[in-house]
Amino acid sequence: MRRCALLLTSLLQAAAWAEPAELAGRRLAVHELMGDHAVALLLPAPYSNRSNDVNWPYRQHNHLHYLTHNTHPGTHLMLVNNGRQRGELLFAKLGDPDYEVWEGKLPSVEALKASTGIDTVYSEEDFMPALRRLLNGRAMDPEAERYDGTVFPGLFQRLIEGEVEVWLDLGRHRSLDAKRPPSAEQALAASLREHLPEIRIRNLGPELEAIRHRKSDSELALLQRAIDITGEAVLAAMGRATAADHEYQVQATIEYTFRNLGACCAAFPSIVAGGENATVLHYGKNSAPLNKGDLLLMDIGAEVNYYAADITRTIPVSGRFSNDQRAIYELVLGANRAAFAVAKDGVRFAELEQAALRHLGAGLLALGLITEDNDEQVKSYFLHGLGHSLGMDVHDAWEYELELAEDMVITIEPGIYVRPQDVVKAGWYTALDEEQKAGVDVALARFGGIGVRIEDNVLIERRGATLLSSEIPTTVEDIEAIMAPLP
């Protein structure tokens, strides 16, 4: 029933957004994790330069978007806990004629209040003056007289007593490289420590990621829409592949379908890899010729309103799998299903991975590609992890050692990549006797250059899981029926 509801919502609500009440609930969760005397500051994402004076299309920081849905540069959010009193202040780009000439119309103060549910909106230029006033016990209104009463009385006294925390999104992984320029958040943290050493700095990033683990109905609707669009792109690619001469022609069909159906863009650089290119995990050139006897691996995902799909399908360029290709393909599909069968609330991701590894091990042993079913040998062919969390980032907020939880969305993506040149250098292979090597060599010659990955998007539920990508063909029979229908 949940799957049907998500599909219906996806069809009816192609541009679904969280309502202001839901955004307020997300901000409330941040307030509740902060102490009684604390300030959270969320800063906008910087522009990302492509080359010279050309930037990539602007994309707001996921956490700031998650709490406000504001997509414009210059947006700042300030959340204040002053005992039981709570404040929310939005700072945004307002009334900037130059920006509107070059980039487009900006929302009004009234529109920002209505869309975010935040009643106090200032210009972005007021952010630092307002922060200085707040931390010095003065009025928040930049127009107020110097010694007017503060909006949050008592916070300054708590600050000088060393009880105020400032929460900044300092990220999950931080570099210790002194040559790497600090982020805006790190620079602000350094300034606060220098000028107000009694302040305690806290990292909001991991806490917000934990809040984002479980997806709301509005988030699931966006994810489902992105998955559905990606599924349509897979079907279009199946129709294109048999006539295409190069990988990029299939890529063009995929990304045309994304935009034609309302996705903003690809959620990540598309991988469209034919033949031996499919054994290169992050192959991205997508420029090689397509040969009729090869497989074509497509790792792709549409993005809809900041939410990403991530689907991989492997298809035969000719429309028909050879016997050897089919053997590897069905082994990977079986591992995908073995992992899916284990997925549910309370299970650790490592348990899914072990289910996939044991299935792959038995199959690789039967095909002669390994001599023992152990992780070392299996991982000579299964070269990456089983999957990851999915949401606003294609590799979304989540630590792998955590248990899966209801309403999380993950990927399950086993793969087999037969790279003879690497296998023969592996320690387990070099330790074999000559007879054992000869047996593996026969299998390597038979399956060499075959790369297969099958990736699905999965919603974790209390007693199991729902396959959100179930409408995208996976079986040999379904793929061949679509690509090479019988006369």
Protein backbone atom coordinates (compact mmCIF):
# COMPACT_ATOMS: atom_id res chain seq x y z
CA MET A 1 0.00 0.00 0.00
CA ARG A 2 2.82 2.42 0.82
CA ARG A 3 4.35 1.86 -2.64
CA CYS A 4 1.00 2.55 -4.34
CA ALA A 5 0.53 5.74 -2.32
CA LEU A 6 4.00 6.97 -3.24
CA LEU A 7 3.42 6.24 -6.93
CA LEU A 8 0.11 8.13 -6.86
CA THR A 9 1.69 11.08 -5.07
CA SER A 10 4.56 11.04 -7.56
CA LEU A 11 2.12 11.28 -10.47
CA LEU A 12 -0.08 13.96 -8.90
CA GLN A 13 2.62 16.01 -7.20
CA ALA A 14 5.52 16.29 -9.62
CA ALA A 15 6.85 19.35 -7.80
CA ALA A 16 6.01 18.38 -4.21
CA TRP A 17 7.46 20.53 -1.43
CA ALA A 18 7.22 20.34 2.33
CA GLU A 19 4.59 22.68 3.74
CA PRO A 20 5.70 25.52 6.05
CA ALA A 21 4.39 23.52 9.03
CA GLU A 22 6.76 20.67 8.15
CA LEU A 23 9.67 23.08 7.81
CA ALA A 24 8.78 24.49 11.23
CA GLY A 25 8.84 20.96 12.63
CA ARG A 26 12.32 20.40 11.21
CA ARG A 27 13.55 23.62 12.80
CA LEU A 28 11.92 22.63 16.08
CA ALA A 29 13.99 19.43 16.03
CA VAL A 30 17.12 21.61 15.77
CA HIS A 31 15.96 23.80 18.65
CA GLU A 32 15.43 20.69 20.78
CA LEU A 33 18.91 19.30 20.22
CA MET A 34 20.50 22.64 21.19
CA GLY A 35 20.97 23.68 24.79
CA ASP A 36 18.82 26.21 26.61
CA HIS A 37 21.26 29.01 25.78
CA ALA A 38 22.36 28.49 22.21
CA VAL A 39 22.43 29.95 18.73
CA ALA A 40 22.46 27.94 15.48
CA LEU A 41 23.79 29.66 12.38
CA LEU A 42 23.31 28.23 8.89
CA LEU A 43 25.16 29.90 6.05
CA PRO A 44 24.48 29.72 2.31
CA ALA A 45 26.44 27.55 -0.08
CA PRO A 46 29.07 29.49 -2.03
CA TYR A 47 29.04 29.68 -5.79
CA SER A 48 31.05 26.89 -7.44
CA ASN A 49 33.30 28.13 -10.22
CA ARG A 50 33.43 26.19 -13.46
CA SER A 51 36.11 28.24 -15.20
CA ASN A 52 37.20 31.86 -15.33
CA ASP A 53 34.05 33.97 -14.77
CA VAL A 54 31.55 31.12 -15.37
CA ASN A 55 29.96 29.40 -12.39
CA TRP A 56 28.09 26.15 -12.16
CA PRO A 57 24.33 26.57 -11.61
CA TYR A 58 23.81 27.66 -8.01
CA ARG A 59 22.68 24.98 -5.55
CA GLN A 60 21.78 25.88 -1.99
CA HIS A 61 23.35 23.98 0.90
CA ASN A 62 21.20 20.93 1.61
CA HIS A 63 20.80 21.65 5.33
CA LEU A 64 19.73 25.26 4.76
CA HIS A 65 17.33 24.14 2.06
CA TYR A 66 15.99 21.38 4.35
CA LEU A 67 15.07 23.97 7.00
CA THR A 68 13.83 26.83 4.78
CA HIS A 69 13.38 25.72 1.13
CA ASN A 70 15.10 28.94 0.15
CA THR A 71 17.23 28.34 -2.95
CA HIS A 72 18.81 31.78 -3.37
CA PRO A 73 22.40 32.77 -2.60
CA GLY A 74 22.78 35.03 0.41
CA THR A 75 20.28 33.15 2.58
CA HIS A 76 21.23 32.80 6.26
CA LEU A 77 19.25 31.23 9.10
CA MET A 78 19.61 32.05 12.79
CA LEU A 79 17.89 29.91 15.43
CA VAL A 80 18.06 31.15 19.02
CA ASN A 81 17.33 29.37 22.30
CA ASN A 82 17.13 31.80 25.20
CA GLY A 83 15.89 29.55 27.97
CA ARG A 84 12.38 28.61 26.98
CA GLN A 85 12.17 31.47 24.51
CA ARG A 86 12.90 30.51 20.91
CA GLY A 87 13.59 32.73 17.98
CA GLU A 88 13.94 32.19 14.24
CA LEU A 89 15.39 34.81 11.93
CA LEU A 90 15.79 34.49 8.17
CA PHE A 91 18.24 36.70 6.29
CA ALA A 92 17.75 36.76 2.54
CA LYS A 93 18.67 38.59 -0.62
CA LEU A 94 16.04 41.32 -0.90
CA GLY A 95 15.37 44.03 -3.47
CA ASP A 96 18.61 43.59 -5.42
CA PRO A 97 17.99 45.10 -8.90
CA ASP A 98 21.33 43.95 -10.28
CA TYR A 99 20.69 40.38 -9.22
CA GLU A 100 17.21 40.45 -10.73
CA VAL A 101 18.56 41.74 -14.06
CA TRP A 102 21.10 38.95 -14.31
CA GLU A 103 19.52 36.06 -12.39
CA GLY A 104 15.77 36.62 -12.07
CA LYS A 105 13.15 37.91 -9.68
CA LEU A 106 13.67 37.52 -5.94
CA PRO A 107 10.87 36.59 -3.53
CA SER A 108 9.39 39.36 -1.41
CA VAL A 109 9.52 39.45 2.39
CA GLU A 110 5.87 38.39 2.48
CA ALA A 111 6.53 35.45 0.14
CA LEU A 112 9.48 34.33 2.25
CA LYS A 113 7.40 34.44 5.42
CA ALA A 114 4.62 32.45 3.77
CA SER A 115 6.89 29.79 2.26
CA THR A 116 9.11 29.22 5.29
CA GLY A 117 6.81 29.90 8.23
CA ILE A 118 9.45 32.29 9.66
CA ASP A 119 7.96 35.62 10.75
CA THR A 120 11.17 37.62 11.09
CA VAL A 121 12.96 38.33 7.81
CA TYR A 122 15.90 40.67 7.33
CA SER A 123 18.18 41.48 4.41
CA GLU A 124 21.30 39.32 4.03
CA GLU A 125 23.46 42.39 4.76
CA ASP A 126 21.99 42.50 8.26
CA PHE A 127 23.20 39.02 9.26
CA MET A 128 26.60 39.93 10.76
CA PRO A 129 25.39 43.17 12.40
CA ALA A 130 22.47 41.25 13.93
CA LEU A 131 24.79 38.49 15.16
CA ARG A 132 27.14 41.04 16.73
CA ARG A 133 24.25 42.75 18.48
CA LEU A 134 22.81 39.45 19.69
CA LEU A 135 26.12 38.31 21.19
CA ASN A 136 26.70 41.72 22.79
CA GLY A 137 23.30 41.87 24.46
CA ARG A 138 21.83 44.54 22.22
CA ALA A 139 18.69 44.83 20.13
CA MET A 140 18.43 42.61 17.08
CA ASP A 141 16.92 45.36 14.94
CA PRO A 142 19.82 47.13 13.19
CA GLU A 143 17.74 50.35 13.21
CA ALA A 144 17.27 50.26 16.98
CA GLU A 145 19.12 52.61 19.33
CA ARG A 146 22.34 51.25 20.76
CA TYR A 147 21.07 50.45 24.26
CA ASP A 148 17.52 49.41 23.50
CA GLY A 149 16.38 46.22 25.21
CA THR A 150 17.34 42.96 23.55
CA VAL A 151 14.91 40.65 21.85
CA PHE A 152 16.48 37.80 23.80
CA PRO A 153 17.18 39.22 27.28
CA GLY A 154 19.55 37.23 29.42
CA LEU A 155 21.48 35.56 26.61
CA PHE A 156 24.39 37.99 26.96
CA GLN A 157 24.74 37.27 30.68
CA ARG A 158 24.79 33.55 29.97
CA LEU A 159 27.42 34.19 27.29
CA ILE A 160 29.86 35.96 29.60
CA GLU A 161 29.36 33.14 32.10
CA GLY A 162 30.50 30.66 29.42
CA GLU A 163 27.14 28.94 29.03
CA VAL A 164 26.25 29.88 25.45
CA GLU A 165 26.84 27.47 22.57
CA VAL A 166 27.04 28.50 18.93
CA TRP A 167 26.18 25.69 16.53
CA LEU A 168 27.68 25.81 13.04
CA ASP A 169 27.59 23.26 10.25
CA LEU A 170 31.27 22.32 10.29
CA GLY A 171 30.70 19.19 8.22
CA ARG A 172 31.08 15.47 8.82
CA HIS A 173 34.66 15.11 7.63
CA ARG A 174 37.08 17.96 8.23
CA SER A 175 40.49 18.32 6.66
CA LEU A 176 43.58 19.01 8.78
CA ASP A 177 45.43 20.29 5.73
CA ALA A 178 46.66 23.77 6.63
CA LYS A 179 46.85 24.69 2.95
CA ARG A 180 43.17 24.05 2.38
CA PRO A 181 41.14 27.28 2.75
CA PRO A 182 38.61 27.19 5.58
CA SER A 183 34.91 27.09 4.84
CA ALA A 184 32.79 30.12 5.71
CA GLU A 185 31.56 28.24 8.78
CA GLN A 186 35.10 27.41 9.92
CA ALA A 187 36.16 31.03 9.41
CA LEU A 188 33.20 32.26 11.46
CA ALA A 189 33.98 29.73 14.20
CA ALA A 190 37.59 30.98 14.33
CA SER A 191 36.43 34.60 14.56
CA LEU A 192 34.01 33.79 17.39
CA ARG A 193 36.71 31.92 19.31
CA GLU A 194 39.09 34.88 18.91
CA HIS A 195 36.71 37.64 19.93
CA LEU A 196 34.41 35.76 22.31
CA PRO A 197 36.56 33.00 23.80
CA GLU A 198 33.92 32.15 26.40
CA ILE A 199 31.60 30.86 23.65
CA ARG A 200 31.47 27.11 23.05
CA ILE A 201 31.41 26.06 19.38
CA ARG A 202 29.41 22.97 18.45
CA ASN A 203 29.13 21.10 15.13
CA LEU A 204 25.56 21.09 13.84
CA GLY A 205 26.32 19.06 10.69
CA PRO A 206 26.19 15.50 12.09
CA GLU A 207 23.14 16.35 14.20
CA LEU A 208 21.24 17.62 11.17
CA GLU A 209 22.28 14.56 9.20
CA ALA A 210 20.79 12.37 11.93
CA ILE A 211 17.53 14.32 11.69
CA ARG A 212 17.55 13.73 7.93
CA HIS A 213 17.99 9.94 8.20
CA ARG A 214 14.26 9.27 8.16
CA LYS A 215 12.26 10.67 5.29
CA SER A 216 8.87 12.33 5.60
CA ASP A 217 5.99 11.64 3.22
CA SER A 218 6.81 14.79 1.25
CA GLU A 219 10.45 13.71 0.91
CA LEU A 220 9.43 10.21 -0.13
CA ALA A 221 7.13 11.67 -2.79
CA LEU A 222 10.04 13.65 -4.24
CA LEU A 223 12.33 10.64 -4.14
CA GLN A 224 9.69 8.51 -5.82
CA ARG A 225 9.23 11.10 -8.55
CA ALA A 226 12.99 11.19 -9.16
CA ILE A 227 13.07 7.38 -9.28
CA ASP A 228 10.11 7.22 -11.66
CA ILE A 229 11.73 9.73 -14.03
CA THR A 230 14.97 7.75 -13.89
CA GLY A 231 12.99 4.62 -14.73
CA GLU A 232 11.57 6.31 -17.82
CA ALA A 233 15.12 7.27 -18.79
CA VAL A 234 16.22 3.64 -18.45
CA LEU A 235 13.41 2.54 -20.76
CA ALA A 236 14.33 5.26 -23.26
CA ALA A 237 17.97 4.16 -23.12
CA MET A 238 16.96 0.56 -23.80
CA GLY A 239 15.22 1.73 -26.94
CA ARG A 240 18.18 3.85 -27.99
CA ALA A 241 21.04 1.46 -27.25
CA THR A 242 20.44 -1.00 -30.08
CA ALA A 243 20.78 1.76 -32.70
CA ALA A 244 23.37 3.99 -30.99
CA ASP A 245 26.95 4.10 -32.21
CA HIS A 246 28.51 5.69 -29.10
CA GLU A 247 27.93 5.79 -25.36
CA TYR A 248 27.25 9.54 -25.40
CA GLN A 249 24.22 9.04 -27.64
CA VAL A 250 22.60 6.89 -24.97
CA GLN A 251 23.63 9.45 -22.33
CA ALA A 252 21.94 12.17 -24.39
CA THR A 253 18.70 10.17 -24.47
CA ILE A 254 18.86 9.63 -20.70
CA GLU A 255 19.45 13.25 -19.80
CA TYR A 256 16.93 14.52 -22.34
CA THR A 257 14.36 12.31 -20.61
CA PHE A 258 15.29 13.76 -17.21
CA ARG A 259 14.63 17.32 -18.31
CA ASN A 260 11.67 16.47 -20.51
CA LEU A 261 9.87 14.92 -17.53
CA GLY A 262 10.61 17.79 -15.15
CA ALA A 263 13.79 16.86 -13.32
CA CYS A 264 16.15 19.78 -12.87
CA CYS A 265 19.18 17.83 -13.90
CA ALA A 266 21.18 14.68 -13.32
CA ALA A 267 21.80 14.12 -9.61
CA PHE A 268 25.40 13.14 -10.41
CA PRO A 269 27.51 12.67 -13.56
CA SER A 270 25.94 9.87 -15.60
CA ILE A 271 27.94 6.69 -16.11
CA VAL A 272 27.18 5.12 -19.49
CA ALA A 273 29.80 2.43 -19.95
CA GLY A 274 29.95 -0.13 -22.73
CA GLY A 275 32.05 -3.29 -22.83
CA GLU A 276 35.18 -3.25 -20.66
CA ASN A 277 34.38 0.33 -19.60
CA ALA A 278 31.71 -1.20 -17.38
CA THR A 279 34.51 -2.63 -15.20
CA VAL A 280 35.69 0.94 -14.40
CA LEU A 281 33.62 1.95 -11.38
CA HIS A 282 33.45 5.71 -11.96
CA TYR A 283 33.87 5.71 -15.71
CA GLY A 284 32.66 9.06 -16.95
CA LYS A 285 33.96 9.76 -20.44
CA ASN A 286 30.91 8.16 -22.09
CA SER A 287 32.59 8.59 -25.46
CA ALA A 288 33.55 5.09 -26.65
CA PRO A 289 31.90 3.23 -29.54
CA LEU A 290 29.22 0.70 -28.68
CA ASN A 291 29.73 -2.84 -29.96
CA LYS A 292 26.79 -5.15 -30.53
CA GLY A 293 28.24 -7.99 -28.47
CA ASP A 294 28.89 -5.84 -25.39
CA LEU A 295 26.96 -5.05 -22.26
CA LEU A 296 26.10 -1.42 -21.43
CA LEU A 297 26.14 -0.37 -17.76
CA MET A 298 24.17 2.78 -16.92
CA ASP A 299 24.50 4.30 -13.43
CA ILE A 300 22.16 7.29 -13.53
CA GLY A 301 19.80 9.36 -11.44
CA ALA A 302 17.45 12.29 -11.89
CA GLU A 303 17.17 15.07 -9.32
CA VAL A 304 13.76 16.52 -8.41
CA ASN A 305 13.56 19.50 -6.01
CA TYR A 306 16.88 18.62 -4.38
CA TYR A 307 16.13 14.87 -4.05
CA ALA A 308 18.17 12.31 -5.95
CA ALA A 309 17.50 8.92 -7.50
CA ASP A 310 20.37 6.48 -8.06
CA ILE A 311 19.65 3.55 -10.38
CA THR A 312 21.97 1.19 -12.22
CA ARG A 313 20.90 -1.17 -14.95
CA THR A 314 23.08 -3.29 -17.24
CA ILE A 315 21.71 -4.20 -20.65
CA PRO A 316 22.96 -5.96 -23.80
CA VAL A 317 23.68 -3.55 -26.64
CA SER A 318 22.34 -6.11 -29.13
CA GLY A 319 19.16 -6.64 -27.13
CA ARG A 320 20.15 -10.22 -26.21
CA PHE A 321 22.44 -11.47 -23.45
CA SER A 322 25.04 -14.07 -24.38
CA ASN A 323 25.16 -17.15 -22.16
CA ASP A 324 28.25 -15.88 -20.32
CA GLN A 325 26.80 -12.40 -19.85
CA ARG A 326 23.58 -13.91 -18.58
CA ALA A 327 25.46 -16.07 -16.06
CA ILE A 328 27.16 -13.03 -14.50
CA TYR A 329 24.01 -10.91 -14.72
CA GLU A 330 21.79 -13.42 -12.95
CA LEU A 331 24.43 -13.90 -10.26
CA VAL A 332 24.41 -10.16 -9.53
CA LEU A 333 20.61 -10.01 -9.63
CA GLY A 334 20.44 -12.88 -7.14
CA ALA A 335 22.79 -11.01 -4.80
CA ASN A 336 20.61 -7.91 -5.11
CA ARG A 337 17.56 -9.89 -4.09
CA ALA A 338 19.38 -11.70 -1.28
CA ALA A 339 20.35 -8.37 0.27
CA PHE A 340 16.84 -6.93 -0.21
CA ALA A 341 15.34 -9.91 1.61
CA VAL A 342 17.33 -9.02 4.74
CA ALA A 343 16.55 -5.29 4.73
CA LYS A 344 14.30 -4.00 7.52
CA ASP A 345 14.19 -1.74 10.55
CA GLY A 346 16.85 -2.60 13.14
CA VAL A 347 19.17 -4.54 10.80
CA ARG A 348 22.72 -3.33 10.27
CA PHE A 349 23.80 -2.65 6.72
CA ALA A 350 26.67 -5.09 7.14
CA GLU A 351 24.09 -7.89 7.35
CA LEU A 352 22.79 -6.98 3.90
CA GLU A 353 26.32 -6.91 2.57
CA GLN A 354 27.10 -10.32 4.01
CA ALA A 355 23.97 -11.78 2.39
CA ALA A 356 25.11 -10.40 -0.97
CA LEU A 357 28.70 -11.59 -0.49
CA ARG A 358 27.66 -15.15 0.34
CA HIS A 359 25.43 -15.31 -2.74
CA LEU A 360 28.18 -13.89 -4.94
CA GLY A 361 30.75 -16.22 -3.42
CA ALA A 362 28.74 -19.33 -4.17
CA GLY A 363 28.15 -18.18 -7.73
CA LEU A 364 31.74 -17.16 -8.44
CA LEU A 365 32.92 -20.51 -7.10
CA ALA A 366 30.50 -22.35 -9.38
CA LEU A 367 31.74 -20.31 -12.37
CA GLY A 368 35.37 -21.10 -11.57
CA LEU A 369 36.40 -17.49 -10.97
CA ILE A 370 37.48 -18.22 -7.39
CA THR A 371 38.78 -21.32 -5.60
CA GLU A 372 37.36 -20.56 -2.13
CA ASP A 373 34.25 -18.71 -1.02
CA ASN A 374 35.86 -16.07 1.16
CA ASP A 375 35.73 -12.29 1.24
CA GLU A 376 39.24 -11.82 -0.13
CA GLN A 377 38.52 -13.73 -3.31
CA VAL A 378 34.97 -12.45 -3.77
CA LYS A 379 36.14 -8.86 -3.39
CA SER A 380 38.47 -9.29 -6.34
CA TYR A 381 35.26 -9.05 -8.39
CA PHE A 382 32.89 -7.13 -6.11
CA LEU A 383 34.93 -3.94 -5.88
CA HIS A 384 32.78 -1.55 -3.83
CA GLY A 385 30.31 -1.41 -0.97
CA LEU A 386 26.79 -2.73 -1.29
CA GLY A 387 25.08 0.64 -1.14
CA HIS A 388 24.46 3.88 0.71
CA SER A 389 21.73 6.14 2.01
CA LEU A 390 19.77 8.23 -0.48
CA GLY A 391 18.04 11.56 -0.22
CA MET A 392 19.13 15.14 -0.85
CA ASP A 393 22.63 13.86 -1.53
CA VAL A 394 23.06 10.86 -3.76
CA HIS A 395 25.31 9.55 -0.98
CA ASP A 396 23.09 10.91 1.73
CA ALA A 397 23.50 11.62 5.42
CA TRP A 398 24.21 8.34 7.20
CA GLU A 399 26.91 6.42 9.02
CA TYR A 400 27.23 2.85 7.77
CA GLU A 401 27.64 1.27 11.19
CA LEU A 402 24.22 2.51 12.28
CA GLU A 403 21.18 0.28 12.20
CA LEU A 404 18.70 0.75 9.39
CA ALA A 405 15.57 2.53 10.56
CA GLU A 406 12.00 2.82 9.35
CA ASP A 407 11.56 5.48 6.64
CA MET A 408 15.22 5.48 5.62
CA VAL A 409 15.93 5.12 1.90
CA ILE A 410 19.02 3.21 0.78
CA THR A 411 20.51 1.76 -2.36
CA ILE A 412 21.35 -1.90 -2.88
CA GLU A 413 23.92 -2.24 -5.66
CA PRO A 414 25.95 -5.43 -5.92
CA GLY A 415 28.23 -5.76 -8.91
CA ILE A 416 30.69 -8.11 -10.55
CA TYR A 417 33.60 -6.70 -12.56
CA VAL A 418 35.86 -9.26 -14.22
CA ARG A 419 39.24 -7.60 -14.64
CA PRO A 420 41.76 -10.39 -15.39
CA GLN A 421 44.70 -7.99 -15.29
CA ASP A 422 43.93 -7.23 -11.63
CA VAL A 423 42.89 -10.70 -10.50
CA VAL A 424 46.20 -12.27 -11.53
CA LYS A 425 48.02 -9.77 -9.30
CA ALA A 426 45.88 -10.54 -6.23
CA GLY A 427 47.60 -12.29 -3.33
CA TRP A 428 45.14 -15.17 -3.26
CA TYR A 429 45.70 -15.87 -6.97
CA THR A 430 49.49 -15.78 -6.81
CA ALA A 431 49.36 -18.23 -3.88
CA LEU A 432 47.52 -20.88 -5.96
CA ASP A 433 49.28 -23.87 -7.40
CA GLU A 434 49.62 -24.11 -11.17
CA GLU A 435 46.61 -26.38 -11.61
CA GLN A 436 44.38 -24.03 -9.64
CA LYS A 437 45.65 -21.02 -11.57
CA ALA A 438 44.94 -22.78 -14.84
CA GLY A 439 41.33 -23.36 -13.77
CA VAL A 440 40.84 -19.71 -12.82
CA ASP A 441 42.53 -18.61 -16.05
CA VAL A 442 39.95 -20.52 -18.09
CA ALA A 443 37.14 -18.68 -16.27
CA LEU A 444 38.91 -15.33 -16.65
CA ALA A 445 39.24 -15.87 -20.38
CA ARG A 446 35.56 -16.77 -20.58
CA PHE A 447 34.18 -13.86 -18.53
CA GLY A 448 36.95 -11.27 -18.86
CA GLY A 449 35.78 -7.71 -19.51
CA ILE A 450 32.21 -8.30 -18.28
CA GLY A 451 30.95 -5.70 -15.81
CA VAL A 452 27.47 -5.89 -14.29
CA ARG A 453 25.91 -3.73 -11.58
CA ILE A 454 22.23 -3.71 -10.60
CA GLU A 455 21.22 -0.90 -8.26
CA ASP A 456 17.81 -0.39 -6.72
CA ASN A 457 16.38 2.20 -4.33
CA VAL A 458 14.78 0.77 -1.22
CA LEU A 459 12.52 2.16 1.53
CA ILE A 460 13.14 0.57 4.92
CA GLU A 461 10.02 -0.42 6.83
CA ARG A 462 9.36 -1.99 10.20
CA ARG A 463 8.91 -5.54 8.98
CA GLY A 464 10.76 -5.46 5.70
CA ALA A 465 11.37 -3.07 2.83
CA THR A 466 9.70 -1.64 -0.25
CA LEU A 467 11.44 -1.59 -3.60
CA LEU A 468 10.84 1.96 -4.84
CA SER A 469 12.40 1.11 -8.20
CA SER A 470 10.28 -2.01 -8.78
CA GLU A 471 8.85 -0.61 -12.04
CA ILE A 472 12.28 -0.48 -13.67
CA PRO A 473 12.96 -3.80 -15.46
CA THR A 474 15.64 -6.04 -13.96
CA THR A 475 15.17 -9.61 -15.16
CA VAL A 476 16.85 -10.94 -18.29
CA GLU A 477 13.46 -11.85 -19.71
CA ASP A 478 11.98 -8.38 -19.17
CA ILE A 479 15.00 -6.55 -20.55
CA GLU A 480 15.17 -8.72 -23.67
CA ALA A 481 11.42 -8.40 -24.21
CA ILE A 482 11.74 -4.62 -24.23
CA MET A 483 14.90 -4.42 -26.32
CA ALA A 484 14.37 -7.23 -28.80
CA PRO A 485 10.67 -8.08 -28.99
CA LEU A 486 9.81 -11.24 -30.85
CA PRO A 487 8.21 -10.78 -34.31
